[in-house]
C-alpha atoms as a PDB file:
ATOM      1  CA  UNK A   1      98.287 162.377  61.190  1.00  0.00           C
ATOM      2  CA  UNK A   2     100.763 165.042  60.222  1.00  0.00           C
ATOM      3  CA  UNK A   3     103.670 162.871  61.369  1.00  0.00           C
ATOM      4  CA  UNK A   4     102.415 159.887  59.359  1.00  0.00           C
ATOM      5  CA  UNK A   5     102.060 161.943  56.206  1.00  0.00           C
ATOM      6  CA  UNK A   6     105.539 163.389  56.634  1.00  0.00           C
ATOM      7  CA  UNK A   7     106.983 159.894  56.940  1.00  0.00           C
ATOM      8  CA  UNK A   8     105.055 158.802  53.872  1.00  0.00           C
ATOM      9  CA  UNK A   9     106.410 161.683  51.812  1.00  0.00           C
ATOM     10  CA  UNK A  10     109.953 160.992  52.974  1.00  0.00           C
ATOM     11  CA  UNK A  11     109.706 157.376  51.879  1.00  0.00           C
ATOM     12  CA  UNK A  12     108.203 158.372  48.558  1.00  0.00           C
ATOM     13  CA  UNK A  13     111.142 160.702  47.889  1.00  0.00           C
ATOM     14  CA  UNK A  14     113.755 158.001  48.481  1.00  0.00           C
ATOM     15  CA  UNK A  15     115.664 157.274  45.252  1.00  0.00           C
ATOM     16  CA  UNK A  16     115.166 153.786  43.774  1.00  0.00           C
ATOM     17  CA  UNK A  17     117.749 151.199  44.732  1.00  0.00           C
ATOM     18  CA  UNK A  18     120.112 150.092  42.004  1.00  0.00           C
ATOM     19  CA  UNK A  19     120.950 146.886  43.834  1.00  0.00           C
ATOM     20  CA  UNK A  20     122.360 145.430  47.023  1.00  0.00           C
ATOM     21  CA  UNK A  21     126.063 144.854  47.614  1.00  0.00           C
ATOM     22  CA  UNK A  22     126.774 142.134  50.132  1.00  0.00           C
ATOM     23  CA  UNK A  23     129.943 140.934  51.799  1.00  0.00           C
ATOM     24  CA  UNK A  24     132.269 138.453  50.127  1.00  0.00           C
ATOM     25  CA  UNK A  25     133.541 135.657  52.396  1.00  0.00           C
ATOM     26  CA  UNK A  26     134.867 132.135  52.305  1.00  0.00           C
ATOM     27  CA  UNK A  27     136.407 129.330  54.267  1.00  0.00           C
ATOM     28  CA  UNK A  28     134.693 126.754  56.480  1.00  0.00           C
ATOM     29  CA  UNK A  29     133.491 129.252  59.124  1.00  0.00           C
ATOM     30  CA  UNK A  30     129.868 128.729  58.072  1.00  0.00           C
ATOM     31  CA  UNK A  31     130.294 125.020  57.339  1.00  0.00           C
ATOM     32  CA  UNK A  32     132.542 123.013  55.038  1.00  0.00           C
ATOM     33  CA  UNK A  33     129.767 121.753  52.749  1.00  0.00           C
ATOM     34  CA  UNK A  34     126.830 123.255  50.864  1.00  0.00           C
ATOM     35  CA  UNK A  35     124.371 121.465  53.157  1.00  0.00           C
ATOM     36  CA  UNK A  36     126.082 122.803  56.290  1.00  0.00           C
ATOM     37  CA  UNK A  37     126.120 126.362  54.938  1.00  0.00           C
ATOM     38  CA  UNK A  38     122.416 126.229  54.037  1.00  0.00           C
ATOM     39  CA  UNK A  39     121.678 124.914  57.534  1.00  0.00           C
ATOM     40  CA  UNK A  40     123.516 127.906  58.990  1.00  0.00           C
ATOM     41  CA  UNK A  41     121.345 130.292  56.966  1.00  0.00           C
ATOM     42  CA  UNK A  42     118.127 128.517  58.003  1.00  0.00           C
ATOM     43  CA  UNK A  43     119.249 128.658  61.611  1.00  0.00           C
ATOM     44  CA  UNK A  44     119.700 132.434  61.360  1.00  0.00           C
ATOM     45  CA  UNK A  45     116.144 132.866  60.028  1.00  0.00           C
ATOM     46  CA  UNK A  46     114.717 130.932  62.956  1.00  0.00           C
ATOM     47  CA  UNK A  47     116.880 132.471  65.668  1.00  0.00           C
ATOM     48  CA  UNK A  48     115.035 134.437  68.318  1.00  0.00           C
ATOM     49  CA  UNK A  49     116.573 136.772  70.846  1.00  0.00           C
ATOM     50  CA  UNK A  50     116.947 135.063  74.189  1.00  0.00           C
ATOM     51  CA  UNK A  51     118.549 135.902  77.468  1.00  0.00           C
ATOM     52  CA  UNK A  52     121.929 134.271  77.992  1.00  0.00           C
ATOM     53  CA  UNK A  53     124.315 134.213  80.903  1.00  0.00           C
ATOM     54  CA  UNK A  54     127.606 135.880  80.007  1.00  0.00           C
ATOM     55  CA  UNK A  55     130.888 135.128  81.671  1.00  0.00           C
ATOM     56  CA  UNK A  56     132.159 137.824  83.963  1.00  0.00           C
ATOM     57  CA  UNK A  57     134.989 139.748  82.392  1.00  0.00           C
ATOM     58  CA  UNK A  58     136.852 142.946  83.269  1.00  0.00           C
ATOM     59  CA  UNK A  59     135.848 146.241  81.711  1.00  0.00           C
ATOM     60  CA  UNK A  60     137.757 146.855  78.498  1.00  0.00           C
ATOM     61  CA  UNK A  61     138.267 150.528  77.733  1.00  0.00           C
ATOM     62  CA  UNK A  62     140.619 152.850  75.905  1.00  0.00           C
ATOM     63  CA  UNK A  63     141.759 155.759  78.084  1.00  0.00           C
ATOM     64  CA  UNK A  64     142.445 159.310  76.992  1.00  0.00           C
ATOM     65  CA  UNK A  65     146.128 158.838  77.865  1.00  0.00           C
ATOM     66  CA  UNK A  66     146.368 156.177  75.146  1.00  0.00           C
ATOM     67  CA  UNK A  67     145.586 158.751  72.461  1.00  0.00           C
ATOM     68  CA  UNK A  68     149.269 159.665  72.359  1.00  0.00           C
ATOM     69  CA  UNK A  69     149.926 156.400  70.528  1.00  0.00           C
ATOM     70  CA  UNK A  70     150.996 155.962  66.890  1.00  0.00           C
ATOM     71  CA  UNK A  71     147.507 155.435  65.498  1.00  0.00           C
ATOM     72  CA  UNK A  72     146.705 159.134  65.249  1.00  0.00           C
ATOM     73  CA  UNK A  73     149.474 159.600  62.682  1.00  0.00           C
ATOM     74  CA  UNK A  74     147.685 157.787  59.860  1.00  0.00           C
ATOM     75  CA  UNK A  75     145.250 155.105  58.747  1.00  0.00           C
ATOM     76  CA  UNK A  76     147.581 152.151  59.079  1.00  0.00           C
ATOM     77  CA  UNK A  77     146.450 148.541  59.325  1.00  0.00           C
ATOM     78  CA  UNK A  78     146.616 146.604  62.587  1.00  0.00           C
ATOM     79  CA  UNK A  79     149.821 144.601  62.169  1.00  0.00           C
ATOM     80  CA  UNK A  80     151.214 142.916  65.276  1.00  0.00           C
ATOM     81  CA  UNK A  81     153.733 140.312  66.416  1.00  0.00           C
ATOM     82  CA  UNK A  82     152.307 137.141  67.970  1.00  0.00           C
ATOM     83  CA  UNK A  83     153.385 133.694  69.169  1.00  0.00           C
ATOM     84  CA  UNK A  84     152.136 130.775  67.081  1.00  0.00           C
ATOM     85  CA  UNK A  85     153.064 127.494  68.774  1.00  0.00           C
ATOM     86  CA  UNK A  86     156.535 128.599  69.876  1.00  0.00           C
ATOM     87  CA  UNK A  87     157.321 130.758  66.865  1.00  0.00           C
ATOM     88  CA  UNK A  88     157.461 134.527  67.142  1.00  0.00           C
ATOM     89  CA  UNK A  89     155.633 135.665  64.015  1.00  0.00           C
ATOM     90  CA  UNK A  90     155.928 139.210  62.736  1.00  0.00           C
ATOM     91  CA  UNK A  91     153.669 140.817  60.119  1.00  0.00           C
ATOM     92  CA  UNK A  92     150.430 139.408  61.580  1.00  0.00           C
ATOM     93  CA  UNK A  93     147.482 141.302  60.069  1.00  0.00           C
ATOM     94  CA  UNK A  94     144.328 141.774  62.165  1.00  0.00           C
ATOM     95  CA  UNK A  95     141.419 141.736  59.692  1.00  0.00           C
ATOM     96  CA  UNK A  96     137.920 141.892  61.187  1.00  0.00           C
ATOM     97  CA  UNK A  97     136.511 141.497  57.670  1.00  0.00           C
ATOM     98  CA  UNK A  98     137.967 138.017  57.213  1.00  0.00           C
ATOM     99  CA  UNK A  99     135.801 134.986  57.966  1.00  0.00           C
ATOM    100  CA  UNK A 100     138.883 132.761  58.310  1.00  0.00           C
ATOM    101  CA  UNK A 101     142.271 132.738  60.016  1.00  0.00           C
ATOM    102  CA  UNK A 102     145.003 132.360  57.395  1.00  0.00           C
ATOM    103  CA  UNK A 103     148.513 130.922  57.667  1.00  0.00           C
ATOM    104  CA  UNK A 104     150.414 131.409  54.424  1.00  0.00           C
ATOM    105  CA  UNK A 105     152.044 128.331  52.958  1.00  0.00           C
ATOM    106  CA  UNK A 106     155.664 129.509  52.881  1.00  0.00           C
ATOM    107  CA  UNK A 107     155.454 130.416  56.586  1.00  0.00           C
ATOM    108  CA  UNK A 108     153.885 127.034  57.375  1.00  0.00           C
ATOM    109  CA  UNK A 109     156.785 125.335  55.587  1.00  0.00           C
ATOM    110  CA  UNK A 110     159.337 127.346  57.591  1.00  0.00           C
ATOM    111  CA  UNK A 111     157.663 126.324  60.846  1.00  0.00           C
ATOM    112  CA  UNK A 112     158.396 122.639  60.125  1.00  0.00           C
ATOM    113  CA  UNK A 113     155.168 121.285  61.622  1.00  0.00           C
ATOM    114  CA  UNK A 114     155.290 117.949  59.818  1.00  0.00           C
ATOM    115  CA  UNK A 115     154.210 116.091  62.957  1.00  0.00           C
ATOM    116  CA  UNK A 116     150.913 118.010  63.003  1.00  0.00           C
ATOM    117  CA  UNK A 117     148.749 116.729  60.112  1.00  0.00           C
ATOM    118  CA  UNK A 118     146.703 119.060  57.930  1.00  0.00           C
ATOM    119  CA  UNK A 119     142.947 118.516  57.867  1.00  0.00           C
ATOM    120  CA  UNK A 120     141.266 118.384  54.470  1.00  0.00           C
ATOM    121  CA  UNK A 121     139.144 121.426  53.550  1.00  0.00           C
ATOM    122  CA  UNK A 122     136.527 121.392  50.791  1.00  0.00           C
ATOM    123  CA  UNK A 123     135.488 125.046  50.941  1.00  0.00           C
ATOM    124  CA  UNK A 124     137.494 127.518  48.856  1.00  0.00           C
ATOM    125  CA  UNK A 125     138.279 131.168  49.494  1.00  0.00           C
ATOM    126  CA  UNK A 126     137.298 133.913  47.066  1.00  0.00           C
ATOM    127  CA  UNK A 127     138.884 137.327  46.640  1.00  0.00           C
ATOM    128  CA  UNK A 128     137.054 140.459  45.534  1.00  0.00           C
ATOM    129  CA  UNK A 129     137.947 139.804  41.909  1.00  0.00           C
ATOM    130  CA  UNK A 130     136.223 136.436  42.129  1.00  0.00           C
ATOM    131  CA  UNK A 131     139.405 134.376  41.862  1.00  0.00           C
ATOM    132  CA  UNK A 132     139.332 131.062  43.705  1.00  0.00           C
ATOM    133  CA  UNK A 133     141.972 130.044  46.226  1.00  0.00           C
ATOM    134  CA  UNK A 134     141.991 126.400  47.320  1.00  0.00           C
ATOM    135  CA  UNK A 135     143.520 125.974  50.806  1.00  0.00           C
ATOM    136  CA  UNK A 136     146.203 123.328  51.196  1.00  0.00           C
ATOM    137  CA  UNK A 137     144.443 122.272  54.374  1.00  0.00           C
ATOM    138  CA  UNK A 138     143.574 123.323  57.907  1.00  0.00           C
ATOM    139  CA  UNK A 139     145.649 123.027  61.085  1.00  0.00           C
ATOM    140  CA  UNK A 140     144.943 123.654  64.776  1.00  0.00           C
ATOM    141  CA  UNK A 141     147.655 125.666  66.529  1.00  0.00           C
ATOM    142  CA  UNK A 142     147.917 127.588  69.828  1.00  0.00           C
ATOM    143  CA  UNK A 143     148.116 131.364  69.370  1.00  0.00           C
ATOM    144  CA  UNK A 144     149.389 133.662  72.129  1.00  0.00           C
ATOM    145  CA  UNK A 145     148.653 137.393  72.230  1.00  0.00           C
ATOM    146  CA  UNK A 146     149.855 140.017  74.679  1.00  0.00           C
ATOM    147  CA  UNK A 147     153.093 140.850  76.458  1.00  0.00           C
ATOM    148  CA  UNK A 148     154.593 139.191  79.508  1.00  0.00           C
ATOM    149  CA  UNK A 149     153.291 138.708  82.133  1.00  0.00           C
ATOM    150  CA  UNK A 150     149.774 139.354  80.764  1.00  0.00           C
ATOM    151  CA  UNK A 151     149.172 136.945  77.919  1.00  0.00           C
ATOM    152  CA  UNK A 152     146.374 134.791  76.594  1.00  0.00           C
ATOM    153  CA  UNK A 153     146.631 131.576  74.596  1.00  0.00           C
ATOM    154  CA  UNK A 154     143.832 129.956  72.597  1.00  0.00           C
ATOM    155  CA  UNK A 155     143.726 127.020  70.213  1.00  0.00           C
ATOM    156  CA  UNK A 156     142.679 128.167  66.725  1.00  0.00           C
ATOM    157  CA  UNK A 157     142.145 126.623  63.307  1.00  0.00           C
ATOM    158  CA  UNK A 158     144.171 128.146  60.475  1.00  0.00           C
ATOM    159  CA  UNK A 159     143.686 127.657  56.752  1.00  0.00           C
ATOM    160  CA  UNK A 160     147.049 127.057  55.061  1.00  0.00           C
ATOM    161  CA  UNK A 161     147.002 128.955  51.764  1.00  0.00           C
ATOM    162  CA  UNK A 162     149.646 128.835  49.025  1.00  0.00           C
ATOM    163  CA  UNK A 163     149.595 132.366  47.643  1.00  0.00           C
ATOM    164  CA  UNK A 164     152.156 135.191  47.863  1.00  0.00           C
ATOM    165  CA  UNK A 165     151.436 137.740  50.585  1.00  0.00           C
ATOM    166  CA  UNK A 166     153.101 140.666  52.310  1.00  0.00           C
ATOM    167  CA  UNK A 167     151.813 139.208  55.591  1.00  0.00           C
ATOM    168  CA  UNK A 168     152.716 135.995  57.396  1.00  0.00           C
ATOM    169  CA  UNK A 169     149.355 135.418  59.091  1.00  0.00           C
ATOM    170  CA  UNK A 170     145.878 136.943  58.885  1.00  0.00           C
ATOM    171  CA  UNK A 171     143.773 136.841  62.047  1.00  0.00           C
ATOM    172  CA  UNK A 172     140.086 137.223  61.216  1.00  0.00           C
ATOM    173  CA  UNK A 173     136.791 137.126  63.087  1.00  0.00           C
ATOM    174  CA  UNK A 174     137.330 133.595  64.466  1.00  0.00           C
ATOM    175  CA  UNK A 175     140.367 134.795  66.437  1.00  0.00           C
ATOM    176  CA  UNK A 176     138.697 138.006  67.579  1.00  0.00           C
ATOM    177  CA  UNK A 177     135.662 136.080  68.816  1.00  0.00           C
ATOM    178  CA  UNK A 178     137.635 133.358  70.597  1.00  0.00           C
ATOM    179  CA  UNK A 179     139.802 135.943  72.356  1.00  0.00           C
ATOM    180  CA  UNK A 180     136.713 138.151  72.901  1.00  0.00           C
ATOM    181  CA  UNK A 181     138.920 140.946  71.622  1.00  0.00           C
ATOM    182  CA  UNK A 182     138.163 144.615  71.026  1.00  0.00           C
ATOM    183  CA  UNK A 183     140.204 146.471  68.422  1.00  0.00           C
ATOM    184  CA  UNK A 184     140.935 150.163  67.923  1.00  0.00           C
ATOM    185  CA  UNK A 185     142.377 151.113  64.550  1.00  0.00           C
ATOM    186  CA  UNK A 186     142.619 154.705  65.796  1.00  0.00           C
ATOM    187  CA  UNK A 187     144.949 153.702  68.642  1.00  0.00           C
ATOM    188  CA  UNK A 188     146.436 150.743  66.718  1.00  0.00           C
ATOM    189  CA  UNK A 189     145.745 148.416  69.616  1.00  0.00           C
ATOM    190  CA  UNK A 190     143.846 145.225  70.412  1.00  0.00           C
ATOM    191  CA  UNK A 191     142.581 144.393  73.928  1.00  0.00           C
ATOM    192  CA  UNK A 192     141.092 141.204  75.358  1.00  0.00           C
ATOM    193  CA  UNK A 193     140.050 139.851  78.774  1.00  0.00           C
ATOM    194  CA  UNK A 194     142.400 137.590  80.715  1.00  0.00           C
ATOM    195  CA  UNK A 195     142.129 136.046  84.155  1.00  0.00           C
ATOM    196  CA  UNK A 196     142.205 138.964  86.568  1.00  0.00           C
ATOM    197  CA  UNK A 197     142.753 141.742  84.057  1.00  0.00           C
ATOM    198  CA  UNK A 198     142.989 142.946  80.470  1.00  0.00           C
ATOM    199  CA  UNK A 199     145.666 141.957  77.988  1.00  0.00           C
ATOM    200  CA  UNK A 200     146.667 143.996  74.972  1.00  0.00           C
ATOM    201  CA  UNK A 201     148.817 143.927  71.862  1.00  0.00           C
ATOM    202  CA  UNK A 202     150.132 147.138  70.335  1.00  0.00           C
ATOM    203  CA  UNK A 203     150.341 147.290  66.553  1.00  0.00           C
ATOM    204  CA  UNK A 204     153.638 148.167  64.897  1.00  0.00           C
ATOM    205  CA  UNK A 205     153.243 151.198  62.636  1.00  0.00           C
ATOM    206  CA  UNK A 206     156.586 150.674  60.873  1.00  0.00           C
ATOM    207  CA  UNK A 207     155.758 147.020  60.234  1.00  0.00           C
ATOM    208  CA  UNK A 208     152.318 147.980  58.938  1.00  0.00           C
ATOM    209  CA  UNK A 209     153.711 150.499  56.465  1.00  0.00           C
ATOM    210  CA  UNK A 210     156.399 148.139  55.214  1.00  0.00           C
ATOM    211  CA  UNK A 211     153.745 145.477  54.613  1.00  0.00           C
ATOM    212  CA  UNK A 212     151.568 148.019  52.806  1.00  0.00           C
ATOM    213  CA  UNK A 213     154.419 149.006  50.472  1.00  0.00           C
ATOM    214  CA  UNK A 214     155.216 145.328  49.825  1.00  0.00           C
ATOM    215  CA  UNK A 215     151.556 144.532  49.105  1.00  0.00           C
ATOM    216  CA  UNK A 216     151.334 147.361  46.562  1.00  0.00           C
ATOM    217  CA  UNK A 217     154.565 146.228  44.900  1.00  0.00           C
ATOM    218  CA  UNK A 218     153.314 142.650  44.616  1.00  0.00           C
ATOM    219  CA  UNK A 219     149.981 143.846  43.237  1.00  0.00           C
ATOM    220  CA  UNK A 220     151.662 145.889  40.505  1.00  0.00           C
ATOM    221  CA  UNK A 221     153.950 142.966  39.652  1.00  0.00           C
ATOM    222  CA  UNK A 222     150.948 140.695  39.310  1.00  0.00           C
ATOM    223  CA  UNK A 223     149.155 143.141  36.982  1.00  0.00           C
ATOM    224  CA  UNK A 224     152.238 143.450  34.762  1.00  0.00           C
ATOM    225  CA  UNK A 225     152.643 139.665  34.602  1.00  0.00           C
ATOM    226  CA  UNK A 226     149.014 139.175  33.602  1.00  0.00           C
ATOM    227  CA  UNK A 227     149.267 141.929  30.984  1.00  0.00           C
ATOM    228  CA  UNK A 228     152.380 140.331  29.464  1.00  0.00           C
ATOM    229  CA  UNK A 229     150.863 136.847  29.525  1.00  0.00           C
ATOM    230  CA  UNK A 230     153.341 135.451  32.061  1.00  0.00           C
ATOM    231  CA  UNK A 231     152.239 132.813  34.539  1.00  0.00           C
ATOM    232  CA  UNK A 232     151.059 134.283  37.829  1.00  0.00           C
ATOM    233  CA  UNK A 233     153.309 132.983  40.658  1.00  0.00           C
ATOM    234  CA  UNK A 234     150.290 132.773  42.955  1.00  0.00           C
ATOM    235  CA  UNK A 235     148.825 130.069  40.719  1.00  0.00           C
ATOM    236  CA  UNK A 236     151.974 128.018  41.150  1.00  0.00           C
ATOM    237  CA  UNK A 237     151.790 128.448  44.912  1.00  0.00           C
ATOM    238  CA  UNK A 238     155.316 129.901  45.002  1.00  0.00           C
ATOM    239  CA  UNK A 239     156.371 133.196  46.526  1.00  0.00           C
ATOM    240  CA  UNK A 240     158.604 135.094  44.063  1.00  0.00           C
ATOM    241  CA  UNK A 241     160.068 137.099  46.962  1.00  0.00           C
ATOM    242  CA  UNK A 242     161.531 134.594  49.468  1.00  0.00           C
ATOM    243  CA  UNK A 243     161.244 135.470  53.132  1.00  0.00           C
ATOM    244  CA  UNK A 244     164.380 135.749  55.300  1.00  0.00           C
ATOM    245  CA  UNK A 245     165.769 132.693  57.053  1.00  0.00           C
ATOM    246  CA  UNK A 246     164.485 131.864  60.512  1.00  0.00           C
ATOM    247  CA  UNK A 247     166.342 133.289  63.502  1.00  0.00           C
ATOM    248  CA  UNK A 248     166.503 131.462  66.792  1.00  0.00           C
ATOM    249  CA  UNK A 249     165.634 133.536  69.847  1.00  0.00           C
ATOM    250  CA  UNK A 250     165.660 132.993  73.587  1.00  0.00           C
ATOM    251  CA  UNK A 251     162.674 130.935  74.792  1.00  0.00           C
ATOM    252  CA  UNK A 252     159.614 132.978  75.692  1.00  0.00           C
ATOM    253  CA  UNK A 253     157.459 131.686  78.515  1.00  0.00           C
ATOM    254  CA  UNK A 254     153.901 131.104  77.344  1.00  0.00           C
ATOM    255  CA  UNK A 255     151.290 131.113  80.102  1.00  0.00           C
ATOM    256  CA  UNK A 256     147.911 129.882  78.822  1.00  0.00           C
ATOM    257  CA  UNK A 257     144.933 131.696  80.342  1.00  0.00           C
ATOM    258  CA  UNK A 258     142.478 128.982  79.267  1.00  0.00           C
ATOM    259  CA  UNK A 259     142.436 125.204  79.118  1.00  0.00           C
ATOM    260  CA  UNK A 260     144.126 124.004  75.926  1.00  0.00           C
ATOM    261  CA  UNK A 261     145.060 120.769  74.255  1.00  0.00           C
ATOM    262  CA  UNK A 262     148.584 119.573  75.017  1.00  0.00           C
ATOM    263  CA  UNK A 263     150.939 120.147  72.092  1.00  0.00           C
ATOM    264  CA  UNK A 264     154.670 119.620  71.772  1.00  0.00           C
ATOM    265  CA  UNK A 265     156.494 122.925  71.321  1.00  0.00           C
ATOM    266  CA  UNK A 266     159.838 123.527  69.674  1.00  0.00           C
ATOM    267  CA  UNK A 267     162.370 126.315  70.459  1.00  0.00           C
ATOM    268  CA  UNK A 268     161.150 129.852  69.790  1.00  0.00           C
ATOM    269  CA  UNK A 269     162.030 130.998  66.301  1.00  0.00           C
ATOM    270  CA  UNK A 270     161.435 134.442  64.859  1.00  0.00           C
ATOM    271  CA  UNK A 271     159.749 134.779  61.486  1.00  0.00           C
ATOM    272  CA  UNK A 272     159.782 138.213  59.891  1.00  0.00           C
END
């Protein structure tokens, strides 16, 4: 009786809620039409917990020895280098808060993937200011994470977006779930199961900080342009700060860890 009354008093003393702030998301992850998205919500209401059989996978852990890594020096973002088709892409941002995987339009153009058609996408993306971004389309490409000889390749769907960005690619929850990846922002590392072991990708602290500085600079430029009444370059789909030319590198052997669709690869090219 005493316990019940204590709980009742505690609830009575809770301050009134001013409102509820929910997450902002976009893209076709929950369906590419209003009907499909509503069906996803209804499905969540009716979902009951049930026992499922999980695939066997190795134990993924972060050891004490790994705490000597760069992550303890600051609160930097997870920015890595990855292989997309046969392009070595730098400035790849790991964002667990994103509901979509993003390939920025100027990078897509540099990759010269004209033989791979873009799929039409009806669902827009929304930023935290409420501005709408309409993707150019969606494309399926093989992404490889890890370092030789332990690598993993999965086929992913990327939204091609024509807006300026300090990053080349954003890998969101779809990538993390497909790779079954675990991230540590403290150690600046991402780990994922592969056949017979655990693969990992170490974030680049210098790359992360350069991207951060560039993002801040672009943000300030955008504010000044809007204040002066100039046209925002992001609305034209053009990047006011061109990226460096592509550099050809020696071929890197990609060893898929899972069954993938057959795609024609071109020589490895580095995109910074």
